[in-house]
N, C-alpha and C. Protein backbone atom coordinates (compact mmCIF):
# COMPACT_ATOMS: atom_id res chain seq x y z
N MET A 1 -5.54 -7.79 -20.35
CA MET A 1 -5.72 -6.32 -18.77
C MET A 1 -4.52 -7.90 -17.86
N LYS A 2 -3.80 -7.70 -17.19
CA LYS A 2 -2.80 -8.68 -16.53
C LYS A 2 -3.02 -8.59 -15.15
N ALA A 3 -3.46 -8.93 -14.64
CA ALA A 3 -3.32 -9.15 -12.94
C ALA A 3 -2.38 -8.11 -12.85
N ALA A 4 -1.06 -8.30 -13.71
CA ALA A 4 -0.41 -7.06 -12.32
C ALA A 4 -0.76 -6.10 -11.98
N ASP A 5 -1.38 -5.27 -12.88
CA ASP A 5 -2.02 -3.80 -12.68
C ASP A 5 -3.30 -4.21 -12.34
N LEU A 6 -4.19 -5.44 -12.11
CA LEU A 6 -5.08 -5.22 -11.18
C LEU A 6 -4.83 -5.28 -10.03
N ARG A 7 -3.88 -6.08 -9.30
CA ARG A 7 -3.43 -6.03 -8.37
C ARG A 7 -3.13 -4.90 -7.05
N GLU A 8 -2.66 -4.06 -7.79
CA GLU A 8 -2.41 -2.51 -7.42
C GLU A 8 -3.34 -1.68 -7.92
N LYS A 9 -4.74 -2.11 -8.38
CA LYS A 9 -5.88 -1.51 -7.74
C LYS A 9 -7.08 -1.88 -6.14
N THR A 10 -7.11 -0.80 -6.31
CA THR A 10 -7.97 -0.88 -4.93
C THR A 10 -9.63 -1.75 -4.49
N PRO A 11 -9.73 -2.57 -3.46
CA PRO A 11 -11.27 -3.08 -3.79
C PRO A 11 -12.25 -2.59 -4.99
N ASP A 12 -12.39 -1.10 -4.45
CA ASP A 12 -13.70 -0.34 -4.42
C ASP A 12 -13.24 -0.19 -6.57
N GLN A 13 -11.62 0.37 -6.73
CA GLN A 13 -11.62 0.36 -7.93
C GLN A 13 -11.80 -1.27 -9.37
N LEU A 14 -11.88 -2.16 -7.50
CA LEU A 14 -12.16 -3.39 -9.17
C LEU A 14 -13.55 -3.79 -8.79
N ARG A 15 -14.51 -3.34 -7.81
CA ARG A 15 -15.44 -3.78 -8.19
C ARG A 15 -15.82 -2.68 -8.87
N GLU A 16 -15.27 -1.61 -9.34
CA GLU A 16 -16.43 -0.68 -10.67
C GLU A 16 -15.28 -1.40 -12.01
N GLU A 17 -13.96 -1.86 -12.44
CA GLU A 17 -14.48 -2.57 -12.97
C GLU A 17 -14.70 -3.74 -13.19
N LEU A 18 -15.35 -5.04 -12.55
CA LEU A 18 -15.83 -5.95 -12.46
C LEU A 18 -17.75 -5.34 -13.05
N VAL A 19 -17.63 -4.24 -12.72
CA VAL A 19 -19.36 -3.77 -13.20
C VAL A 19 -19.01 -3.50 -14.64
N ALA A 20 -18.26 -2.79 -15.00
CA ALA A 20 -17.76 -1.90 -16.48
C ALA A 20 -18.10 -3.31 -17.10
N LEU A 21 -17.42 -4.04 -16.21
CA LEU A 21 -17.41 -5.61 -18.03
C LEU A 21 -17.98 -7.10 -17.84
N LYS A 22 -19.06 -6.42 -16.95
CA LYS A 22 -20.31 -7.71 -16.63
C LYS A 22 -21.45 -6.74 -17.70
N LYS A 23 -21.45 -4.79 -17.70
CA LYS A 23 -21.98 -4.63 -18.92
C LYS A 23 -21.97 -4.63 -20.14
N GLU A 24 -20.27 -4.78 -20.29
CA GLU A 24 -20.06 -5.30 -21.51
C GLU A 24 -20.02 -6.87 -21.98
N ALA A 25 -19.86 -7.58 -20.81
CA ALA A 25 -20.60 -9.37 -21.32
C ALA A 25 -21.58 -9.35 -21.99
N PHE A 26 -22.63 -8.02 -21.33
CA PHE A 26 -24.17 -8.51 -21.48
C PHE A 26 -24.44 -7.36 -22.39
N ASN A 27 -23.77 -6.60 -22.88
CA ASN A 27 -23.59 -6.41 -24.91
C ASN A 27 -23.75 -6.93 -25.23
N LEU A 28 -22.70 -7.90 -25.35
CA LEU A 28 -21.14 -8.98 -26.18
C LEU A 28 -22.69 -10.05 -26.35
N ARG A 29 -23.16 -10.30 -25.25
CA ARG A 29 -24.17 -11.82 -25.79
C ARG A 29 -25.21 -10.95 -26.72
N PHE A 30 -25.56 -9.02 -26.20
CA PHE A 30 -26.84 -9.19 -26.40
C PHE A 30 -26.24 -8.95 -27.62
N GLN A 31 -25.08 -8.80 -28.39
CA GLN A 31 -24.74 -8.53 -29.81
C GLN A 31 -24.88 -10.09 -30.68
N ALA A 32 -24.69 -11.08 -30.07
CA ALA A 32 -24.14 -12.05 -30.60
C ALA A 32 -26.01 -13.02 -30.85
N ALA A 33 -26.70 -12.57 -29.45
CA ALA A 33 -28.72 -13.05 -29.77
C ALA A 33 -28.84 -12.28 -31.05
N THR A 34 -28.86 -11.40 -31.09
CA THR A 34 -28.74 -10.62 -33.13
C THR A 34 -28.09 -10.70 -33.99
N GLY A 35 -27.30 -11.01 -34.08
CA GLY A 35 -26.46 -11.94 -35.40
C GLY A 35 -25.99 -10.35 -35.75
N GLN A 36 -25.74 -9.55 -34.70
CA GLN A 36 -25.10 -8.33 -35.27
C GLN A 36 -23.48 -8.17 -34.76
N LEU A 37 -23.05 -9.20 -33.87
CA LEU A 37 -21.98 -9.24 -32.81
C LEU A 37 -20.06 -9.73 -34.01
N GLU A 38 -19.02 -9.16 -34.20
CA GLU A 38 -18.31 -9.82 -35.50
C GLU A 38 -17.43 -10.22 -34.78
N GLY A 39 -16.90 -9.48 -33.81
CA GLY A 39 -15.80 -10.38 -33.56
C GLY A 39 -15.87 -11.01 -32.16
N THR A 40 -15.45 -12.62 -32.38
CA THR A 40 -16.91 -12.93 -31.16
C THR A 40 -15.39 -14.04 -29.94
N ALA A 41 -14.53 -13.79 -30.99
CA ALA A 41 -13.45 -13.31 -29.66
C ALA A 41 -13.30 -12.68 -28.68
N ARG A 42 -13.68 -11.19 -28.47
CA ARG A 42 -14.32 -10.98 -27.32
C ARG A 42 -14.68 -11.34 -26.09
N VAL A 43 -15.62 -12.20 -26.31
CA VAL A 43 -16.80 -12.56 -25.48
C VAL A 43 -16.17 -13.72 -25.07
N GLY A 44 -15.36 -14.57 -25.51
CA GLY A 44 -13.91 -14.61 -24.41
C GLY A 44 -12.89 -14.31 -23.22
N GLN A 45 -12.40 -13.07 -24.40
CA GLN A 45 -11.59 -12.05 -23.38
C GLN A 45 -11.98 -11.85 -21.96
N VAL A 46 -13.46 -11.56 -22.85
CA VAL A 46 -14.54 -10.73 -21.14
C VAL A 46 -14.09 -11.18 -19.79
N ARG A 47 -15.33 -12.56 -20.62
CA ARG A 47 -14.95 -13.37 -19.61
C ARG A 47 -13.95 -13.96 -18.28
N LYS A 48 -12.52 -14.36 -19.41
CA LYS A 48 -11.27 -14.11 -18.99
C LYS A 48 -11.04 -12.95 -18.15
N ASP A 49 -11.59 -11.62 -17.49
CA ASP A 49 -11.17 -10.44 -17.44
C ASP A 49 -11.98 -10.75 -16.27
N ILE A 50 -13.14 -11.19 -16.51
CA ILE A 50 -14.12 -11.51 -15.17
C ILE A 50 -13.70 -12.59 -14.20
N ALA A 51 -13.67 -13.34 -14.17
CA ALA A 51 -12.74 -14.56 -13.69
C ALA A 51 -11.37 -13.34 -13.47
N ARG A 52 -10.68 -12.72 -13.32
CA ARG A 52 -9.80 -12.51 -13.20
C ARG A 52 -9.76 -11.23 -12.06
N VAL A 53 -10.59 -10.85 -12.30
CA VAL A 53 -10.71 -9.70 -11.17
C VAL A 53 -11.29 -10.19 -10.34
N ASN A 54 -12.47 -11.34 -10.23
CA ASN A 54 -12.84 -11.83 -8.86
C ASN A 54 -11.79 -12.60 -8.25
N THR A 55 -10.89 -13.14 -8.51
CA THR A 55 -10.31 -14.53 -8.41
C THR A 55 -9.77 -12.90 -7.75
N ILE A 56 -8.99 -11.31 -7.83
CA ILE A 56 -8.06 -11.18 -7.06
C ILE A 56 -8.82 -10.17 -6.12
N LEU A 57 -9.87 -10.27 -6.23
CA LEU A 57 -10.74 -9.84 -5.32
C LEU A 57 -11.08 -10.47 -4.28
N ASN A 58 -11.31 -11.89 -4.52
CA ASN A 58 -10.76 -12.74 -3.36
C ASN A 58 -9.81 -12.92 -2.54
N GLU A 59 -8.96 -13.35 -3.27
CA GLU A 59 -7.46 -12.79 -3.03
C GLU A 59 -7.38 -11.57 -1.62
N LYS A 60 -7.74 -10.46 -1.74
CA LYS A 60 -7.66 -9.61 -0.66
C LYS A 60 -8.47 -10.13 0.09
N ALA A 61 -9.66 -9.50 -0.30
CA ALA A 61 -10.55 -10.45 0.95
C ALA A 61 -10.02 -11.88 1.68
N ALA A 62 -9.44 -11.86 1.61
CA ALA A 62 -8.27 -12.98 2.28
C ALA A 62 -7.48 -12.91 2.91
N ALA A 63 -6.98 -12.14 1.98
CA ALA A 63 -5.21 -11.24 2.86
C ALA A 63 -5.81 -10.13 4.31
N ALA A 64 -7.28 -9.27 3.82
CA ALA A 64 -7.41 -8.85 4.61
C ALA A 64 -8.25 -9.84 5.78
N ALA A 65 -8.95 -10.29 5.73
CA ALA A 65 -9.59 -11.37 6.90
C ALA A 65 -8.55 -12.22 7.01
N GLN A 66 -6.91 -12.07 6.73
CA GLN A 66 -5.82 -12.41 7.84
C GLN A 66 -5.16 -11.77 8.49
N GLU A 67 -5.46 -11.03 8.02
CA GLU A 67 -4.77 -10.02 8.96
C GLU A 67 -5.35 -9.42 10.03
N ALA A 68 -7.21 -9.39 10.21
CA ALA A 68 -7.72 -8.83 11.43
C ALA A 68 -7.59 -10.29 11.74
């Protein structure tokens, strides 16, 4: 997931993306705990994607506050 693609989305779309990523992170943690997880690199990628979405949401909120 690229930051440039995320910056084109609206805050509502970003929040939906964040919810989906958090669900995926939960499922990956559950798989890791039960020993069913095969691709462990995906856990780190999802965490980075969550952080990226949160960063862009905060940037958009700051920009909106500055305009007001």
